[in-house]
Amino acid sequence: MARWHTRDSDRLEKVGKIRKKSQKKTHAVSKGETFERPEERWVLGGDDGAFAARVVEVHKRYAFISTEHEVNAVDTRDVWLAEVARRFLVADRLERNFIAVGDRVLCIPDRQKVVKAASDLPKCVIQHRTPRISRIARLDPQTASREHVLATNMDQVLIVASFLSPKVKWGLIDRYLVLAESEGVDAIIVLNKSDLLKIEGKPEVIQEAEAMVALYRGLGYQVISVQANAEAARLDPEIIRLRSILEGKITLLSGHSGVGKSSLVNLYTPEIIQTVEEGDEIFYKGRHTTSFASFIKLGTGGFVIDTPGIRSFTFEEKSSIELSHCFVEFRPLLGKCKYRECRHMDEPACAVLAAVESGSISRWRYKSYVGILLGSTGREGRIRDLPLDERDIRDLQPDERDIRDILLNEQAMREMAGIREPEATVGSLDELEPKPG
């Protein structure tokens, strides 16, 4: 009898738990409702006080948003603590977070006290997000089946690297260029620590830097050389030139760790001064001084999305057709190969391979294309599982033959154009810096 009573009590206890669970308030999404909703379907104001905002920082469980009553008129002084509406959190997602810095969102004040985080800031709940105009994303290092969206709705990408300490990773730059080209946004390359190149750079290192700068300028990309920590940096013509590029735009700043992105931002009177570590260790090794992406208003005009430094960058696989289009020098040759879906690897009558052999396409850039197509890890330029000569592509850094080909190709193009005097390059940076006195 006692044994039966025990069994029955266990059953009743389970039934009670089920009933209690069924009585809990659910946060189910209505049929047909999605988190992404076009802005023309938003209802602003009303009884719930809905308002438009821009995501300015994203953390694990919450985000910071700033009101944006008109597109691109972000009031970064009006900051709220926000969470995504819980009815969407139960759904499967393909991204690390539902929102990213740069997203334009619809919010309602948190009158139901849903946001539990302790803060003196006003609180709100994010109800919807507009479709994104552009985005920069990589595969999530923690969960390979998800994407980590670094930023959205930017007008341009500023790829920041340093000549030395740490040395520029051209393979990482190519990855950013591929993403920018695929999203249809402009890309600008900024090379910091020009002083180190002049002081510590060996002749072959300087030659390599000059050749690579010439290569990317020849492809149509703006390449700007600066020393962001110089006392008179704000007077540098290149810094002034960059200011005009940033003005009136939303710009994503990204690149390798420790290259000086925060120092660069501080030159343009940001609303929030970025922390910069001092000392030889950070200067020579390159470390994170920015730990999360931030949407920052510049006093000189425009906004920047300052992101943490990245050492590993692997993005979703692209077909050879998609990837070829992202290499600008390949575009005039697309459709001229013997096979429509040519991978430009070992196929006969390939127009791209013929251009590489003739020197009209840089051997280095072709190696970079192959590395991305076949599965580069994206970490420090290393490559895995490539059926090519390991000595030829191991580091995804330009070798002596690459540099020689680039220099010869540049010289030939300049002679054809009738140019005799060399432009100011990395080796003649004195012309770009303000003269003392």
Protein backbone atom coordinates (compact mmCIF):
# COMPACT_ATOMS: atom_id res chain seq x y z
CA MET A 1 0.00 0.00 0.00
CA ALA A 2 2.77 2.36 0.96
CA ARG A 3 4.59 1.42 -2.22
CA TRP A 4 1.51 2.22 -4.38
CA HIS A 5 1.04 5.53 -2.54
CA THR A 6 4.63 6.51 -3.31
CA ARG A 7 4.22 5.66 -6.97
CA ASP A 8 0.95 7.62 -7.23
CA SER A 9 2.44 10.64 -5.47
CA ASP A 10 5.28 10.68 -7.97
CA ARG A 11 2.78 10.63 -10.82
CA LEU A 12 0.68 13.42 -9.35
CA GLU A 13 3.79 15.51 -8.76
CA LYS A 14 4.73 15.18 -12.43
CA VAL A 15 1.17 16.12 -13.49
CA GLY A 16 1.32 19.16 -11.24
CA LYS A 17 4.58 20.30 -12.81
CA ILE A 18 3.10 19.91 -16.28
CA ARG A 19 0.06 21.99 -15.30
CA LYS A 20 2.20 24.72 -13.80
CA LYS A 21 4.33 24.81 -16.92
CA SER A 22 1.26 25.08 -19.14
CA GLN A 23 -0.02 28.02 -17.08
CA LYS A 24 3.18 30.03 -17.59
CA LYS A 25 2.99 33.01 -19.91
CA THR A 26 4.41 32.11 -23.31
CA HIS A 27 6.35 34.36 -25.66
CA ALA A 28 5.38 32.59 -28.88
CA VAL A 29 5.80 34.43 -32.17
CA SER A 30 2.52 35.12 -33.98
CA LYS A 31 1.97 33.23 -37.20
CA GLY A 32 3.77 34.98 -40.04
CA GLU A 33 5.60 37.40 -37.73
CA THR A 34 9.34 37.80 -38.32
CA PHE A 35 12.00 39.79 -36.52
CA GLU A 36 12.99 41.51 -39.76
CA ARG A 37 10.29 43.93 -40.88
CA PRO A 38 10.47 46.69 -43.54
CA GLU A 39 10.34 50.17 -42.06
CA GLU A 40 7.22 51.11 -44.02
CA ARG A 41 5.35 48.55 -41.89
CA TRP A 42 6.53 50.05 -38.61
CA VAL A 43 4.00 51.86 -36.41
CA LEU A 44 5.76 54.65 -34.52
CA GLY A 45 4.37 56.35 -31.43
CA GLY A 46 0.99 54.92 -30.46
CA ASP A 47 0.03 53.65 -27.03
CA ASP A 48 3.27 51.72 -26.58
CA GLY A 49 5.47 54.72 -27.52
CA ALA A 50 7.40 52.89 -30.26
CA PHE A 51 10.46 54.69 -31.67
CA ALA A 52 13.25 54.09 -34.21
CA ALA A 53 16.84 53.61 -33.05
CA ARG A 54 20.29 52.49 -34.10
CA VAL A 55 22.20 49.67 -32.37
CA VAL A 56 25.45 51.17 -31.05
CA GLU A 57 26.85 48.24 -29.02
CA VAL A 58 25.99 44.56 -28.66
CA HIS A 59 26.79 42.38 -25.66
CA LYS A 60 25.87 38.78 -24.87
CA ARG A 61 22.45 39.37 -23.27
CA TYR A 62 21.68 42.98 -24.06
CA ALA A 63 22.54 45.90 -26.32
CA PHE A 64 22.81 49.67 -26.25
CA ILE A 65 20.75 51.68 -28.73
CA SER A 66 20.52 55.38 -29.59
CA THR A 67 17.40 57.08 -30.87
CA GLU A 68 17.28 57.81 -34.62
CA HIS A 69 14.06 59.58 -35.55
CA GLU A 70 15.38 60.21 -39.07
CA VAL A 71 17.72 57.88 -40.98
CA ASN A 72 21.40 58.73 -40.26
CA ALA A 73 20.40 61.36 -37.66
CA VAL A 74 21.55 59.20 -34.75
CA ASP A 75 21.45 60.93 -31.35
CA THR A 76 24.37 59.13 -29.73
CA ARG A 77 23.83 61.12 -26.50
CA ASP A 78 20.41 59.48 -26.01
CA VAL A 79 21.41 55.91 -25.05
CA TRP A 80 19.03 53.14 -23.90
CA LEU A 81 19.65 49.65 -22.56
CA ALA A 82 17.79 47.14 -24.73
CA GLU A 83 16.93 43.47 -25.13
CA VAL A 84 15.43 41.65 -28.11
CA ALA A 85 11.77 40.73 -27.58
CA ARG A 86 11.75 37.32 -25.93
CA ARG A 87 9.25 35.84 -28.38
CA PHE A 88 12.05 35.82 -30.98
CA LEU A 89 14.74 34.37 -28.72
CA VAL A 90 13.14 30.88 -28.78
CA ALA A 91 13.52 30.64 -32.56
CA ASP A 92 16.48 28.98 -34.26
CA ARG A 93 18.97 31.46 -35.64
CA LEU A 94 21.83 31.38 -38.12
CA GLU A 95 23.72 34.26 -36.49
CA ARG A 96 25.47 34.59 -33.14
CA ASN A 97 23.12 37.46 -32.20
CA PHE A 98 19.81 38.67 -33.55
CA ILE A 99 21.19 42.16 -33.90
CA ALA A 100 24.53 43.73 -34.79
CA VAL A 101 26.07 47.18 -34.46
CA GLY A 102 24.63 49.37 -37.20
CA ASP A 103 21.18 47.76 -37.30
CA ARG A 104 18.21 50.15 -37.44
CA VAL A 105 15.56 48.82 -35.05
CA LEU A 106 12.03 49.47 -33.75
CA CYS A 107 11.86 49.71 -29.94
CA ILE A 108 9.24 50.23 -27.25
CA PRO A 109 9.92 51.54 -23.73
CA ASP A 110 10.16 48.72 -21.18
CA ARG A 111 7.04 49.45 -19.14
CA GLN A 112 6.64 45.76 -18.24
CA LYS A 113 10.15 45.64 -16.68
CA VAL A 114 11.30 42.89 -19.03
CA VAL A 115 14.93 44.08 -19.06
CA LYS A 116 16.41 42.81 -15.78
CA ALA A 117 19.92 44.24 -16.08
CA ALA A 118 20.70 46.85 -13.42
CA SER A 119 21.28 50.24 -15.00
CA ASP A 120 20.42 53.91 -14.59
CA LEU A 121 19.81 54.13 -18.34
CA PRO A 122 16.25 54.04 -19.71
CA LYS A 123 15.30 50.55 -20.89
CA CYS A 124 13.50 49.31 -23.98
CA VAL A 125 12.62 46.15 -25.90
CA ILE A 126 13.64 45.69 -29.55
CA GLN A 127 10.62 44.54 -31.55
CA HIS A 128 11.87 44.50 -35.13
CA ARG A 129 14.88 45.15 -37.35
CA THR A 130 14.88 46.64 -40.85
CA PRO A 131 16.38 44.64 -43.75
CA ARG A 132 20.11 45.32 -43.90
CA ILE A 133 21.58 47.38 -46.72
CA SER A 134 25.05 45.89 -46.22
CA ARG A 135 26.86 43.72 -43.70
CA ILE A 136 30.29 42.34 -42.93
CA ALA A 137 30.28 38.85 -41.37
CA ARG A 138 32.53 35.88 -40.73
CA LEU A 139 31.87 32.35 -39.54
CA ASP A 140 31.45 32.30 -35.77
CA PRO A 141 34.69 30.91 -34.28
CA GLN A 142 32.65 29.39 -31.43
CA THR A 143 29.87 27.79 -33.50
CA ALA A 144 30.78 26.97 -37.10
CA SER A 145 27.12 26.63 -38.15
CA ARG A 146 26.46 30.29 -37.33
CA GLU A 147 27.68 33.61 -38.65
CA HIS A 148 29.18 36.39 -36.58
CA VAL A 149 27.94 39.63 -38.10
CA LEU A 150 30.53 42.29 -37.26
CA ALA A 151 28.54 45.31 -38.45
CA THR A 152 25.71 46.31 -40.76
CA ASN A 153 24.42 49.19 -42.88
CA MET A 154 27.84 50.74 -43.45
CA ASP A 155 28.64 52.89 -46.48
CA GLN A 156 32.30 51.90 -46.67
CA VAL A 157 34.97 49.74 -45.03
CA LEU A 158 38.25 51.11 -43.71
CA ILE A 159 40.74 48.24 -43.57
CA VAL A 160 43.44 49.23 -41.10
CA ALA A 161 46.82 47.46 -41.01
CA SER A 162 50.34 48.39 -39.94
CA PHE A 163 53.57 48.18 -41.90
CA LEU A 164 55.31 46.54 -38.93
CA SER A 165 54.51 45.38 -35.37
CA PRO A 166 52.44 43.55 -36.39
CA LYS A 167 53.43 43.24 -40.02
CA VAL A 168 50.65 43.77 -42.52
CA LYS A 169 48.78 40.59 -43.49
CA TRP A 170 47.86 41.08 -47.13
CA GLY A 171 45.84 37.87 -47.13
CA LEU A 172 43.59 39.31 -44.41
CA ILE A 173 43.23 42.53 -46.40
CA ASP A 174 42.16 40.50 -49.44
CA ARG A 175 39.46 38.81 -47.37
CA TYR A 176 38.04 42.18 -46.33
CA LEU A 177 38.19 43.34 -49.94
CA VAL A 178 36.24 40.25 -51.03
CA LEU A 179 33.53 40.96 -48.44
CA ALA A 180 33.37 44.63 -49.38
CA GLU A 181 33.10 43.82 -53.09
CA SER A 182 30.40 41.20 -52.45
CA GLU A 183 28.38 43.76 -50.44
CA GLY A 184 28.91 46.55 -52.95
CA VAL A 185 30.57 48.96 -50.49
CA ASP A 186 33.75 50.95 -51.02
CA ALA A 187 36.95 49.76 -49.35
CA ILE A 188 39.87 51.96 -48.27
CA ILE A 189 43.20 50.55 -47.02
CA VAL A 190 45.04 52.47 -44.27
CA LEU A 191 48.60 51.42 -43.40
CA ASN A 192 49.67 52.74 -39.99
CA LYS A 193 53.09 52.95 -38.27
CA SER A 194 54.88 54.35 -41.29
CA ASP A 195 57.60 55.59 -38.95
CA LEU A 196 58.55 52.02 -38.02
CA LEU A 197 59.01 51.15 -41.68
CA LYS A 198 61.46 54.00 -42.16
CA ILE A 199 63.34 53.38 -38.90
CA GLU A 200 63.39 49.59 -38.64
CA GLY A 201 62.46 48.31 -42.08
CA LYS A 202 65.12 46.37 -43.96
CA PRO A 203 65.57 47.28 -47.65
CA GLU A 204 63.72 44.18 -48.81
CA VAL A 205 60.83 44.92 -46.41
CA ILE A 206 60.55 48.48 -47.71
CA GLN A 207 60.66 47.22 -51.30
CA GLU A 208 57.90 44.73 -50.56
CA ALA A 209 55.75 47.43 -48.96
CA GLU A 210 56.24 49.77 -51.90
CA ALA A 211 55.37 47.03 -54.38
CA MET A 212 52.21 45.98 -52.54
CA VAL A 213 51.00 49.56 -52.11
CA ALA A 214 51.55 50.11 -55.84
CA LEU A 215 49.69 46.90 -56.64
CA TYR A 216 46.54 47.79 -54.69
CA ARG A 217 46.54 51.39 -55.91
CA GLY A 218 46.83 50.02 -59.44
CA LEU A 219 43.68 47.96 -58.80
CA GLY A 220 41.80 51.17 -57.98
CA TYR A 221 41.84 50.99 -54.18
CA GLN A 222 42.75 54.01 -52.08
CA VAL A 223 45.83 53.19 -49.96
CA ILE A 224 46.72 55.73 -47.26
CA SER A 225 49.99 55.65 -45.26
CA VAL A 226 49.96 57.31 -41.82
CA GLN A 227 51.57 57.50 -38.40
CA ALA A 228 48.52 57.85 -36.17
CA ASN A 229 50.47 58.41 -32.95
CA ALA A 230 52.63 61.27 -34.27
CA GLU A 231 52.41 64.56 -32.34
CA ALA A 232 51.43 66.48 -35.46
CA ALA A 233 49.36 63.69 -37.01
CA ARG A 234 46.30 65.93 -37.49
CA LEU A 235 48.36 68.10 -39.87
CA ASP A 236 49.40 65.17 -42.06
CA PRO A 237 47.89 65.62 -45.56
CA GLU A 238 46.93 61.95 -45.58
CA ILE A 239 45.06 62.30 -42.27
CA ILE A 240 43.27 65.36 -43.67
CA ARG A 241 42.44 63.41 -46.82
CA LEU A 242 41.03 60.56 -44.75
CA ARG A 243 38.86 63.01 -42.81
CA SER A 244 37.10 64.02 -46.03
CA ILE A 245 36.56 60.33 -46.85
CA LEU A 246 34.91 59.68 -43.46
CA GLU A 247 32.74 62.80 -43.42
CA GLY A 248 29.02 62.15 -43.85
CA LYS A 249 29.45 58.36 -44.05
CA ILE A 250 29.02 55.33 -41.78
CA THR A 251 32.39 53.61 -41.92
CA LEU A 252 33.40 50.21 -40.57
CA LEU A 253 36.93 50.12 -39.14
CA SER A 254 38.43 46.67 -38.98
CA GLY A 255 41.71 44.82 -39.30
CA HIS A 256 44.32 42.86 -37.43
CA SER A 257 44.76 43.25 -33.67
CA GLY A 258 46.99 46.06 -32.43
CA VAL A 259 47.39 48.02 -35.66
CA GLY A 260 46.23 51.33 -34.19
CA LYS A 261 42.54 51.62 -35.11
CA SER A 262 41.67 53.38 -31.83
CA SER A 263 44.57 55.83 -32.24
CA LEU A 264 43.29 56.61 -35.73
CA VAL A 265 39.73 57.21 -34.50
CA ASN A 266 40.95 59.58 -31.79
CA LEU A 267 42.36 61.92 -34.46
CA TYR A 268 38.82 62.78 -35.61
CA THR A 269 37.41 64.02 -32.28
CA PRO A 270 35.17 61.03 -31.44
CA GLU A 271 32.31 61.55 -29.00
CA ILE A 272 33.89 58.76 -26.91
CA ILE A 273 37.68 58.81 -26.72
CA GLN A 274 39.03 55.34 -27.47
CA THR A 275 41.38 53.68 -25.00
CA VAL A 276 44.92 53.27 -26.32
CA GLU A 277 47.44 51.18 -24.39
CA GLU A 278 50.86 52.71 -24.08
CA GLY A 279 54.22 50.99 -23.88
CA ASP A 280 56.51 48.92 -26.02
CA GLU A 281 54.67 45.63 -25.56
CA ILE A 282 51.42 46.75 -27.16
CA PHE A 283 53.29 48.77 -29.79
CA TYR A 284 55.50 45.94 -30.97
CA LYS A 285 53.30 42.86 -30.51
CA GLY A 286 49.86 44.23 -31.33
CA ARG A 287 47.03 43.49 -28.92
CA HIS A 288 43.35 44.20 -28.51
CA THR A 289 42.55 47.60 -27.02
CA THR A 290 38.95 47.47 -28.31
CA SER A 291 36.95 44.56 -26.87
CA PHE A 292 33.61 45.03 -28.66
CA ALA A 293 32.23 46.88 -31.68
CA SER A 294 31.00 50.43 -31.05
CA PHE A 295 29.04 52.93 -33.16
CA ILE A 296 30.82 56.27 -32.61
CA LYS A 297 30.02 59.78 -33.77
CA LEU A 298 32.99 61.79 -35.06
CA GLY A 299 33.31 65.48 -34.29
CA THR A 300 34.73 66.00 -37.78
CA GLY A 301 31.61 64.47 -39.35
CA GLY A 302 30.24 60.98 -39.95
CA PHE A 303 30.15 57.84 -37.83
CA VAL A 304 32.54 54.92 -37.45
CA ILE A 305 31.93 51.38 -36.26
CA ASP A 306 35.13 50.53 -34.41
CA THR A 307 35.54 46.74 -34.15
CA PRO A 308 37.92 44.55 -32.13
CA GLY A 309 41.06 43.40 -33.89
CA ILE A 310 40.69 40.13 -35.77
CA ARG A 311 43.31 37.40 -36.13
CA SER A 312 41.01 34.71 -37.56
CA PHE A 313 38.68 35.44 -40.45
CA THR A 314 36.85 32.62 -42.20
CA PHE A 315 33.68 33.40 -44.10
CA GLU A 316 31.01 31.40 -45.85
CA GLU A 317 32.25 29.49 -48.88
CA LYS A 318 31.77 31.19 -52.21
CA SER A 319 31.57 29.59 -55.63
CA SER A 320 34.35 30.30 -58.10
CA ILE A 321 31.96 32.56 -60.05
CA GLU A 322 31.07 34.63 -56.96
CA LEU A 323 34.67 34.83 -55.76
CA SER A 324 36.04 35.73 -59.20
CA HIS A 325 33.72 38.74 -59.33
CA CYS A 326 35.16 39.96 -56.00
CA PHE A 327 38.66 40.18 -57.50
CA VAL A 328 38.32 43.35 -59.55
CA GLU A 329 41.13 42.51 -61.99
CA PHE A 330 39.35 39.25 -62.92
CA ARG A 331 36.13 40.95 -64.02
CA PRO A 332 37.13 41.97 -67.59
CA LEU A 333 38.05 38.32 -68.25
CA LEU A 334 34.93 36.65 -66.84
CA GLY A 335 33.00 34.90 -69.57
CA LYS A 336 36.09 34.59 -71.78
CA CYS A 337 37.20 31.17 -70.48
CA LYS A 338 36.44 28.00 -72.43
CA TYR A 339 34.14 26.71 -69.68
CA ARG A 340 31.29 28.77 -68.26
CA GLU A 341 31.94 27.63 -64.65
CA CYS A 342 35.72 27.77 -64.90
CA ARG A 343 37.41 27.76 -61.49
CA HIS A 344 40.58 29.32 -62.95
CA MET A 345 42.67 26.55 -61.46
CA ASP A 346 43.82 24.03 -64.06
CA GLU A 347 41.15 24.24 -66.76
CA PRO A 348 42.31 24.52 -70.39
CA ALA A 349 41.88 27.79 -72.27
CA CYS A 350 41.36 29.76 -69.05
CA ALA A 351 41.57 33.53 -69.62
CA VAL A 352 42.52 34.23 -66.00
CA LEU A 353 45.41 31.74 -66.01
CA ALA A 354 46.64 33.21 -69.29
CA ALA A 355 46.56 36.68 -67.70
CA VAL A 356 48.57 35.41 -64.72
CA GLU A 357 51.16 33.93 -67.05
CA SER A 358 51.41 37.16 -69.05
CA GLY A 359 51.74 39.25 -65.88
CA SER A 360 48.59 41.35 -66.39
CA ILE A 361 47.18 39.75 -63.22
CA SER A 362 49.46 39.71 -60.19
CA ARG A 363 50.68 36.26 -59.25
CA TRP A 364 50.26 37.24 -55.61
CA ARG A 365 46.59 38.15 -56.00
CA TYR A 366 45.97 34.94 -57.90
CA LYS A 367 47.51 32.96 -55.04
CA SER A 368 45.21 34.81 -52.65
CA TYR A 369 42.20 33.88 -54.80
CA VAL A 370 43.20 30.21 -54.78
CA GLY A 371 43.73 30.23 -51.01
CA ILE A 372 40.24 31.61 -50.37
CA LEU A 373 38.60 29.31 -52.93
CA LEU A 374 40.15 26.13 -51.57
CA GLY A 375 39.73 26.76 -47.87
CA SER A 376 42.12 29.14 -46.15
CA THR A 377 41.82 29.19 -42.38
CA GLY A 378 42.15 32.95 -42.39
CA ARG A 379 44.42 32.86 -39.32
CA GLU A 380 47.73 34.61 -39.81
CA GLY A 381 47.52 33.88 -43.54
CA ARG A 382 47.96 30.12 -43.13
CA ILE A 383 46.46 27.68 -45.62
CA ARG A 384 45.20 24.13 -45.23
CA ASP A 385 44.68 21.26 -47.66
CA LEU A 386 45.91 23.04 -50.76
CA PRO A 387 46.89 20.79 -53.70
CA LEU A 388 49.60 23.27 -54.70
CA ASP A 389 53.31 23.56 -54.13
CA GLU A 390 53.57 24.20 -50.39
CA ARG A 391 56.56 26.52 -50.89
CA ASP A 392 54.55 28.55 -53.35
CA ILE A 393 51.52 29.41 -51.21
CA ARG A 394 52.38 28.47 -47.65
CA ASP A 395 52.26 31.87 -45.98
CA LEU A 396 49.92 33.80 -48.26
CA GLN A 397 52.49 36.59 -48.10
CA PRO A 398 54.17 37.90 -51.26
CA ASP A 399 57.48 36.23 -52.07
CA GLU A 400 60.45 37.56 -54.08
CA ARG A 401 59.01 36.53 -57.42
CA ASP A 402 55.69 38.23 -56.58
CA ILE A 403 57.46 41.47 -55.69
CA ARG A 404 59.63 41.38 -58.81
CA ASP A 405 56.60 40.77 -61.03
CA ILE A 406 54.65 43.58 -59.36
CA LEU A 407 57.52 46.08 -59.74
CA LEU A 408 58.15 45.16 -63.39
CA ASN A 409 54.43 45.36 -64.18
CA GLU A 410 54.16 48.76 -62.48
CA GLN A 411 57.22 50.06 -64.38
CA ALA A 412 55.80 48.88 -67.70
CA MET A 413 52.43 50.51 -67.04
CA ARG A 414 54.10 53.81 -66.07
CA GLU A 415 56.26 53.82 -69.21
CA MET A 416 53.21 53.17 -71.38
CA ALA A 417 51.47 56.11 -69.70
CA GLY A 418 54.51 58.35 -70.23
CA ILE A 419 55.12 58.88 -66.52
CA ARG A 420 58.74 59.58 -65.64
CA GLU A 421 58.77 60.95 -62.08
CA PRO A 422 57.78 58.45 -59.36
CA GLU A 423 54.81 59.20 -57.13
CA ALA A 424 55.21 59.63 -53.37
CA THR A 425 55.33 56.07 -52.08
CA VAL A 426 56.05 54.34 -48.83
CA GLY A 427 59.76 54.94 -49.30
CA SER A 428 59.27 58.72 -49.58
CA LEU A 429 56.93 59.36 -46.70
CA ASP A 430 58.82 62.52 -45.71
CA GLU A 431 56.84 64.34 -48.39
CA LEU A 432 53.57 63.45 -46.66
CA GLU A 433 54.50 64.58 -43.16
CA PRO A 434 54.35 68.20 -41.93
CA LYS A 435 57.70 69.98 -41.86
CA PRO A 436 58.88 71.15 -38.44
CA GLY A 437 58.60 74.83 -37.63
